[in-house]
Each structure stands twice: as structure tokens, then as C-alpha cells.
Amino acid sequence: MLGPHVVGHRVVVRRVLRGETGPTGGPAMTDVLGVCVRWGDGVCVVQPEDRPAVEIAIADIVSGKPVPPRPSARLRVTPQDAQRRALALWPDLETAPLGDWLLRHSPTSSARRANSVLAMEPSGIPEDYEQVVAFYAGRTGRPIAAVLPGSAEDDLFRRHGWGAESGDADTLFQVTGVARARRAVRASCRDRPPVAYDEAGDLVTARIGDRASGVAAYADDWVGFRSIDVDPAYRRQGLALAVMDALLEWGAERGATTAYLQVLGDNAPAIALYEGLGFETHHAYRYLAPER
């Protein structure tokens, strides 16, 4: 499974450590994980991610195989942390920690993302459920929880009689690299109409006349998007791509390297648009609420 064909690929290689004895009295062995950068002249060179390259005599290799690429750093961020970065899209958001959960409320928006408890990992608080109910009783009157499907938190709220907050499909939290998305959007949107920007700190609204608009927010080298909207009379003219182009450019100018957005899992046209820009699903989540 190893040979010159694995150069440029991530591999794991088990090799003998000559002159050393293993725990059972036989030859000592060790594994090296990294990208194979050379194979030839009796030598295999593997470049680990976090240390200098390792030169291995091919005669010392016991076994090895190609392995899948390591997920990008942005995909290794936990769902809870990814969601916390997205708080920037709601500048007037009121938040309160509940252990590792986060209570969210917006006095100006009715959006679920701004008026639900973010519960995508254990809270660490014994009476977490009761405190969620009390928090929203004095604000929205109906508590909502954002949870990962099939998680312990999903089960917790369902045990209290909660169900799907609406008939919507689960929401997909999608990410990509800003540079990758800009390359893709520029390939499809060469002649961008004039764009007007309305900035408020690290939040911006981009408008193409009264035909299309979208909102972006920057925080911690991530730029996120919401409310990408095109007047029905002007759809299928590339205006959504033009808005994304303008917002990606705005985020890149601030140093953003990761782009994110959220889309309902059954919105096939939007998912196809975003996948064409390199977005992939980081995680899916759903909203639960008490039965009415």
C-alpha cells in the first residue's frame, strides 16, 4: 500500500527502530503520521504536521497505508464554539452563560438564533432545564433550545415534553475558506453591479439597489452571512452571488479567513448555491420548544 504513488498524500508508516528493544523483547517499532514528501533511493520521507520531517529507510518499514486528510482547523471547532462565533450577526444580543450553555435574547429580533438557549454540549449545571424556563418566561414567554440531533441535550428537553419548535428541517451550519469562496464567486460573477454598504462597526449590510441585499458580521477572523435576499422579480440574474461577492470582499478586507452561514436542510437551491462556493456542513442542529 506504500510506494512512489503516495508522495503528496497523508500516510501512516510503522518502522523498526534498529538497535532498540521493544517491551516484549523483540525489535522496537514506532509509527510516523504525516505527508509523504519523498519516496526513492531506498528512503521514504514523511512530514508530520508539528515536527521536522522524518527520513525512514524503506528496508525498515514494517507496514503502512494512506490515511484520509486531517480535517481543516475550521472543521475541528466544536459546534458550540462555531455557534458562539456567529453571535456577531446579532449586535444587540443579550447573553447569559448557564454553565457551558448560553442563554440568548434579542430585544429587537424574533429570530430563533437570537432567542434560544445554545445547548450543544453538557451544561455542567444541575438545574439547567429549570433555569432555561425561568430565563425565557420573563422575556419571550416561550423557551426554545438549539440542540444537536440525537444528543444528550436533545433527549433532555424531549423528556420534559418538548418537540420540534416548527415544521422546518434541521439547520445546517456551513463553513469554507474565504479565499476559496472568493475564487469561486468571482468565476461566476465577473460583472458585479454597484453595491452600497451600510456599516455599523463589525456588521455590514450590502445592497444592490432595491433588488438584493445581505448582512455580514466579522469576529475573530471569521465572517458570517445572513438574510441574503433577492426580490422575486429579479431572481435568477446572479444577484445573490453578487451580494456574496461584496460581503466576502468586505470580510477579507478585515482579515477573515473562514466564512460561515446557516441554511435549512431542505432548501435545495440555496444549498446548491453555497456548495458551489465551497461551503460544507460543519454540523446540523434543530430547535426544540414546549408543546403549545
Protein backbone atom coordinates (compact mmCIF):
# COMPACT_ATOMS: atom_id res chain seq x y z
CA MET A 1 0.00 0.00 0.00
CA LEU A 2 3.07 2.24 0.07
CA GLY A 3 5.30 3.28 -2.80
CA PRO A 4 6.07 6.29 -5.02
CA HIS A 5 2.32 6.74 -5.63
CA VAL A 6 1.79 8.02 -2.05
CA VAL A 7 4.05 11.06 -2.45
CA GLY A 8 1.91 14.10 -1.61
CA HIS A 9 -0.56 12.01 0.40
CA ARG A 10 -1.07 11.62 4.15
CA VAL A 11 0.23 8.25 5.35
CA VAL A 12 0.95 6.29 8.50
CA VAL A 13 4.19 4.29 8.45
CA ARG A 14 5.32 1.69 11.01
CA ARG A 15 9.07 1.22 11.12
CA VAL A 16 11.68 -0.73 13.07
CA LEU A 17 13.94 1.24 15.40
CA ARG A 18 17.26 -0.50 14.79
CA GLY A 19 19.32 -1.19 17.88
CA GLU A 20 16.36 -0.77 20.24
CA THR A 21 14.35 -3.43 22.04
CA GLY A 22 10.58 -3.37 22.36
CA PRO A 23 8.56 -4.09 25.56
CA THR A 24 8.23 -7.80 24.68
CA GLY A 25 11.92 -8.28 23.97
CA GLY A 26 11.63 -8.06 20.19
CA PRO A 27 12.59 -5.17 17.91
CA ALA A 28 11.21 -1.77 18.90
CA MET A 29 8.82 -0.15 16.47
CA THR A 30 7.17 3.24 16.11
CA ASP A 31 4.56 4.89 13.89
CA VAL A 32 5.00 8.09 11.91
CA LEU A 33 1.95 10.02 10.67
CA GLY A 34 2.26 12.78 8.12
CA VAL A 35 2.51 13.63 4.43
CA CYS A 36 4.90 11.56 2.33
CA VAL A 37 7.14 14.10 0.61
CA ARG A 38 9.65 11.70 -0.95
CA TRP A 39 9.94 8.04 -1.94
CA GLY A 40 13.05 6.82 -3.72
CA ASP A 41 16.71 5.77 -3.44
CA GLY A 42 15.77 3.47 -0.57
CA VAL A 43 14.27 6.24 1.52
CA CYS A 44 10.77 7.40 2.47
CA VAL A 45 10.46 10.90 3.93
CA VAL A 46 7.36 11.75 5.98
CA GLN A 47 6.49 15.29 7.08
CA PRO A 48 4.46 15.28 10.32
CA GLU A 49 2.23 18.27 11.00
CA ASP A 50 4.01 19.55 14.10
CA ARG A 51 7.68 18.49 13.87
CA PRO A 52 10.56 18.13 11.41
CA ALA A 53 10.43 15.64 8.54
CA VAL A 54 11.36 12.04 9.34
CA GLU A 55 13.62 10.09 6.97
CA ILE A 56 12.88 6.35 7.03
CA ALA A 57 14.87 3.62 5.32
CA ILE A 58 12.42 1.68 3.16
CA ALA A 59 14.08 -1.52 4.42
CA ASP A 60 12.96 -0.57 7.96
CA ILE A 61 9.28 -0.19 7.06
CA VAL A 62 7.11 -2.92 8.58
CA SER A 63 3.74 -1.69 7.31
CA GLY A 64 1.91 1.44 6.27
CA LYS A 65 -1.01 2.85 4.36
CA PRO A 66 -2.52 6.09 3.08
CA VAL A 67 -4.97 7.75 5.50
CA PRO A 68 -7.62 10.43 4.91
CA PRO A 69 -6.51 14.07 5.14
CA ARG A 70 -6.90 15.65 8.54
CA PRO A 71 -10.00 17.86 8.70
CA SER A 72 -9.25 21.55 8.36
CA ALA A 73 -8.89 23.59 11.54
CA ARG A 74 -12.25 25.24 10.95
CA LEU A 75 -13.97 21.84 10.88
CA ARG A 76 -12.31 20.84 14.17
CA VAL A 77 -14.00 23.69 16.03
CA THR A 78 -16.82 22.30 18.19
CA PRO A 79 -20.43 23.10 17.22
CA GLN A 80 -20.85 25.15 20.40
CA ASP A 81 -17.75 27.23 19.62
CA ALA A 82 -18.78 27.71 15.99
CA GLN A 83 -22.18 28.93 17.13
CA ARG A 84 -20.59 31.35 19.58
CA ARG A 85 -18.64 32.94 16.73
CA ALA A 86 -21.95 33.50 14.94
CA LEU A 87 -23.23 35.72 17.77
CA ALA A 88 -21.60 38.65 15.95
CA LEU A 89 -24.51 38.63 13.49
CA TRP A 90 -26.81 39.95 16.24
CA PRO A 91 -25.12 43.07 17.66
CA ASP A 92 -27.83 43.85 20.22
CA LEU A 93 -27.87 40.31 21.59
CA GLU A 94 -28.19 39.86 25.32
CA THR A 95 -26.39 36.73 26.54
CA ALA A 96 -26.02 34.97 29.87
CA PRO A 97 -23.88 31.87 30.49
CA LEU A 98 -25.56 28.86 32.03
CA GLY A 99 -22.53 26.69 32.69
CA ASP A 100 -21.38 25.77 29.18
CA TRP A 101 -24.76 26.66 27.69
CA LEU A 102 -25.58 30.18 26.56
CA LEU A 103 -28.90 31.94 27.04
CA ARG A 104 -29.61 34.34 24.14
CA HIS A 105 -32.21 37.07 23.77
CA SER A 106 -32.62 39.95 21.35
CA PRO A 107 -34.97 42.83 22.22
CA THR A 108 -35.29 43.77 18.53
CA SER A 109 -35.37 40.44 16.67
CA SER A 110 -37.71 37.48 16.80
CA ALA A 111 -35.21 35.15 15.07
CA ARG A 112 -34.76 31.81 16.82
CA ARG A 113 -30.98 32.11 16.64
CA ALA A 114 -31.23 35.24 18.76
CA ASN A 115 -33.86 33.93 21.20
CA SER A 116 -32.88 30.42 22.23
CA VAL A 117 -30.53 28.65 24.58
CA LEU A 118 -27.43 27.34 22.85
CA ALA A 119 -27.20 23.82 24.27
CA MET A 120 -24.81 21.75 22.17
CA GLU A 121 -22.74 20.21 24.94
CA PRO A 122 -23.33 19.38 28.63
CA SER A 123 -24.07 22.48 30.67
CA GLY A 124 -22.44 21.23 33.85
CA ILE A 125 -25.28 22.86 35.85
CA PRO A 126 -27.60 20.58 37.88
CA GLU A 127 -30.76 22.68 37.36
CA ASP A 128 -30.06 23.78 33.81
CA TYR A 129 -33.54 22.99 32.48
CA GLU A 130 -35.36 24.96 35.20
CA GLN A 131 -33.12 27.99 34.67
CA VAL A 132 -33.78 27.97 30.92
CA VAL A 133 -37.53 28.03 31.50
CA ALA A 134 -37.23 30.83 34.07
CA PHE A 135 -35.00 32.96 31.82
CA TYR A 136 -37.38 32.97 28.87
CA ALA A 137 -40.54 33.23 30.97
CA GLY A 138 -39.61 36.83 31.69
CA ARG A 139 -38.62 37.64 28.12
CA THR A 140 -40.16 35.80 25.18
CA GLY A 141 -42.67 33.74 27.17
CA ARG A 142 -41.74 30.55 25.31
CA PRO A 143 -38.33 28.93 25.76
CA ILE A 144 -36.52 27.49 22.73
CA ALA A 145 -33.42 25.30 22.72
CA ALA A 146 -30.88 24.83 19.90
CA VAL A 147 -29.52 21.27 20.16
CA LEU A 148 -27.63 18.71 18.11
CA PRO A 149 -29.86 15.90 16.76
CA GLY A 150 -29.64 12.76 18.87
CA SER A 151 -27.54 14.44 21.57
CA ALA A 152 -27.98 14.16 25.34
CA GLU A 153 -29.37 17.71 25.28
CA ASP A 154 -31.90 16.74 22.60
CA ASP A 155 -33.00 13.89 24.87
CA LEU A 156 -33.11 16.10 27.97
CA PHE A 157 -35.58 18.60 26.54
CA ARG A 158 -37.68 15.88 24.92
CA ARG A 159 -38.01 14.13 28.28
CA HIS A 160 -39.66 17.33 29.51
CA GLY A 161 -42.24 17.10 26.73
CA TRP A 162 -40.56 19.40 24.22
CA GLY A 163 -40.78 18.78 20.49
CA ALA A 164 -39.80 20.41 17.22
CA GLU A 165 -40.30 24.19 17.51
CA SER A 166 -41.65 24.29 13.94
CA GLY A 167 -42.06 22.15 10.88
CA ASP A 168 -38.72 23.34 9.49
CA ALA A 169 -35.96 20.91 8.60
CA ASP A 170 -32.79 20.86 10.69
CA THR A 171 -30.49 23.83 10.10
CA LEU A 172 -27.07 23.30 8.53
CA PHE A 173 -24.15 25.36 9.82
CA GLN A 174 -21.78 25.57 6.86
CA VAL A 175 -18.19 26.82 6.58
CA THR A 176 -15.50 27.35 3.98
CA GLY A 177 -12.30 29.32 3.48
CA VAL A 178 -12.77 32.95 2.49
CA ALA A 179 -10.14 32.68 -0.25
CA ARG A 180 -11.78 29.59 -1.71
CA ALA A 181 -15.23 31.17 -1.71
CA ARG A 182 -13.92 34.36 -3.33
CA ARG A 183 -12.28 32.41 -6.14
CA ALA A 184 -15.50 30.50 -6.78
CA VAL A 185 -17.77 33.51 -6.69
CA ARG A 186 -15.50 35.56 -8.96
CA ALA A 187 -15.52 32.75 -11.52
CA SER A 188 -19.32 33.00 -11.70
CA CYS A 189 -19.83 36.72 -11.06
CA ARG A 190 -17.50 38.70 -13.30
CA ASP A 191 -19.52 41.91 -13.69
CA ARG A 192 -20.82 42.89 -10.26
CA PRO A 193 -23.43 45.64 -10.16
CA PRO A 194 -22.72 48.68 -7.94
CA VAL A 195 -23.06 47.83 -4.23
CA ALA A 196 -23.92 50.21 -1.38
CA TYR A 197 -22.55 49.37 2.08
CA ASP A 198 -24.17 50.36 5.36
CA GLU A 199 -21.60 49.65 8.10
CA ALA A 200 -22.08 49.62 11.85
CA GLY A 201 -18.83 48.53 13.47
CA ASP A 202 -18.17 44.91 12.55
CA LEU A 203 -21.59 44.48 10.93
CA VAL A 204 -22.47 45.49 7.37
CA THR A 205 -25.50 45.42 5.10
CA ALA A 206 -24.74 45.27 1.37
CA ARG A 207 -27.44 46.41 -1.09
CA ILE A 208 -27.77 46.30 -4.85
CA GLY A 209 -30.41 48.97 -5.24
CA ASP A 210 -33.74 47.60 -4.05
CA ARG A 211 -33.14 44.32 -5.85
CA ALA A 212 -30.92 42.37 -3.45
CA SER A 213 -29.26 42.65 -0.05
CA GLY A 214 -27.40 40.69 2.59
CA VAL A 215 -25.83 41.08 6.04
CA ALA A 216 -22.34 40.09 7.21
CA ALA A 217 -20.50 40.26 10.53
CA TYR A 218 -16.81 39.90 11.35
CA ALA A 219 -15.33 38.48 14.57
CA ASP A 220 -12.19 36.50 15.44
CA ASP A 221 -11.11 36.11 11.79
CA TRP A 222 -14.50 34.57 10.84
CA VAL A 223 -17.06 36.34 8.65
CA GLY A 224 -20.68 35.19 8.70
CA PHE A 225 -23.68 35.89 6.48
CA ARG A 226 -27.42 36.06 6.94
CA SER A 227 -30.51 37.48 5.26
CA ILE A 228 -29.26 37.04 1.68
CA ASP A 229 -32.40 38.20 -0.09
CA VAL A 230 -33.29 38.88 -3.73
CA ASP A 231 -36.53 40.49 -4.87
CA PRO A 232 -38.57 37.75 -6.61
CA ALA A 233 -38.83 39.88 -9.75
CA TYR A 234 -35.02 39.86 -10.10
CA ARG A 235 -34.15 36.27 -9.25
CA ARG A 236 -32.01 34.05 -11.50
CA GLN A 237 -29.89 37.04 -12.50
CA GLY A 238 -26.87 36.26 -10.30
CA LEU A 239 -27.70 38.91 -7.71
CA ALA A 240 -27.32 36.54 -4.75
CA LEU A 241 -23.80 35.75 -5.96
CA ALA A 242 -23.10 39.46 -6.41
CA VAL A 243 -24.17 40.14 -2.81
CA MET A 244 -22.00 37.25 -1.55
CA ASP A 245 -19.07 38.61 -3.57
CA ALA A 246 -19.43 42.03 -1.97
CA LEU A 247 -19.75 40.60 1.55
CA LEU A 248 -16.81 38.21 1.11
CA GLU A 249 -14.68 41.12 -0.10
CA TRP A 250 -15.72 43.14 2.96
CA GLY A 251 -14.79 40.26 5.28
CA ALA A 252 -11.45 39.64 3.55
CA GLU A 253 -10.50 43.29 3.98
CA ARG A 254 -10.88 42.79 7.75
CA GLY A 255 -8.67 39.71 7.78
CA ALA A 256 -11.31 36.98 7.81
CA THR A 257 -10.05 33.54 6.75
CA THR A 258 -13.19 31.48 7.48
CA ALA A 259 -16.69 32.14 6.14
CA TYR A 260 -19.87 30.65 7.58
CA LEU A 261 -23.61 30.72 7.05
CA GLN A 262 -26.68 28.77 8.09
CA VAL A 263 -29.33 27.28 5.82
CA LEU A 264 -32.33 25.00 6.27
CA GLY A 265 -31.50 21.45 5.27
CA ASP A 266 -34.39 21.23 2.79
CA ASN A 267 -33.53 24.47 0.95
CA ALA A 268 -32.00 22.70 -2.05
CA PRO A 269 -31.46 25.79 -4.26
CA ALA A 270 -29.59 27.68 -1.53
CA ILE A 271 -27.52 24.63 -0.57
CA ALA A 272 -26.54 24.14 -4.22
CA LEU A 273 -25.52 27.81 -4.44
CA TYR A 274 -23.38 27.63 -1.31
CA GLU A 275 -21.82 24.27 -2.17
CA GLY A 276 -20.72 25.85 -5.45
CA LEU A 277 -18.78 28.37 -3.35
CA GLY A 278 -17.06 25.62 -1.37
CA PHE A 279 -19.27 25.63 1.73
CA GLU A 280 -19.60 22.30 3.54
CA THR A 281 -21.68 21.32 6.54
CA HIS A 282 -19.90 21.71 9.87
CA HIS A 283 -22.89 20.44 11.86
CA ALA A 284 -26.66 20.22 11.75
CA TYR A 285 -28.89 21.35 14.60
CA ARG A 286 -32.56 21.76 15.45
CA TYR A 287 -34.81 23.89 17.62
CA LEU A 288 -36.99 22.39 20.35
CA ALA A 289 -39.73 24.08 22.36
CA PRO A 290 -42.53 23.07 24.74
CA GLU A 291 -45.66 21.78 23.03
CA ARG A 292 -48.27 24.53 22.75
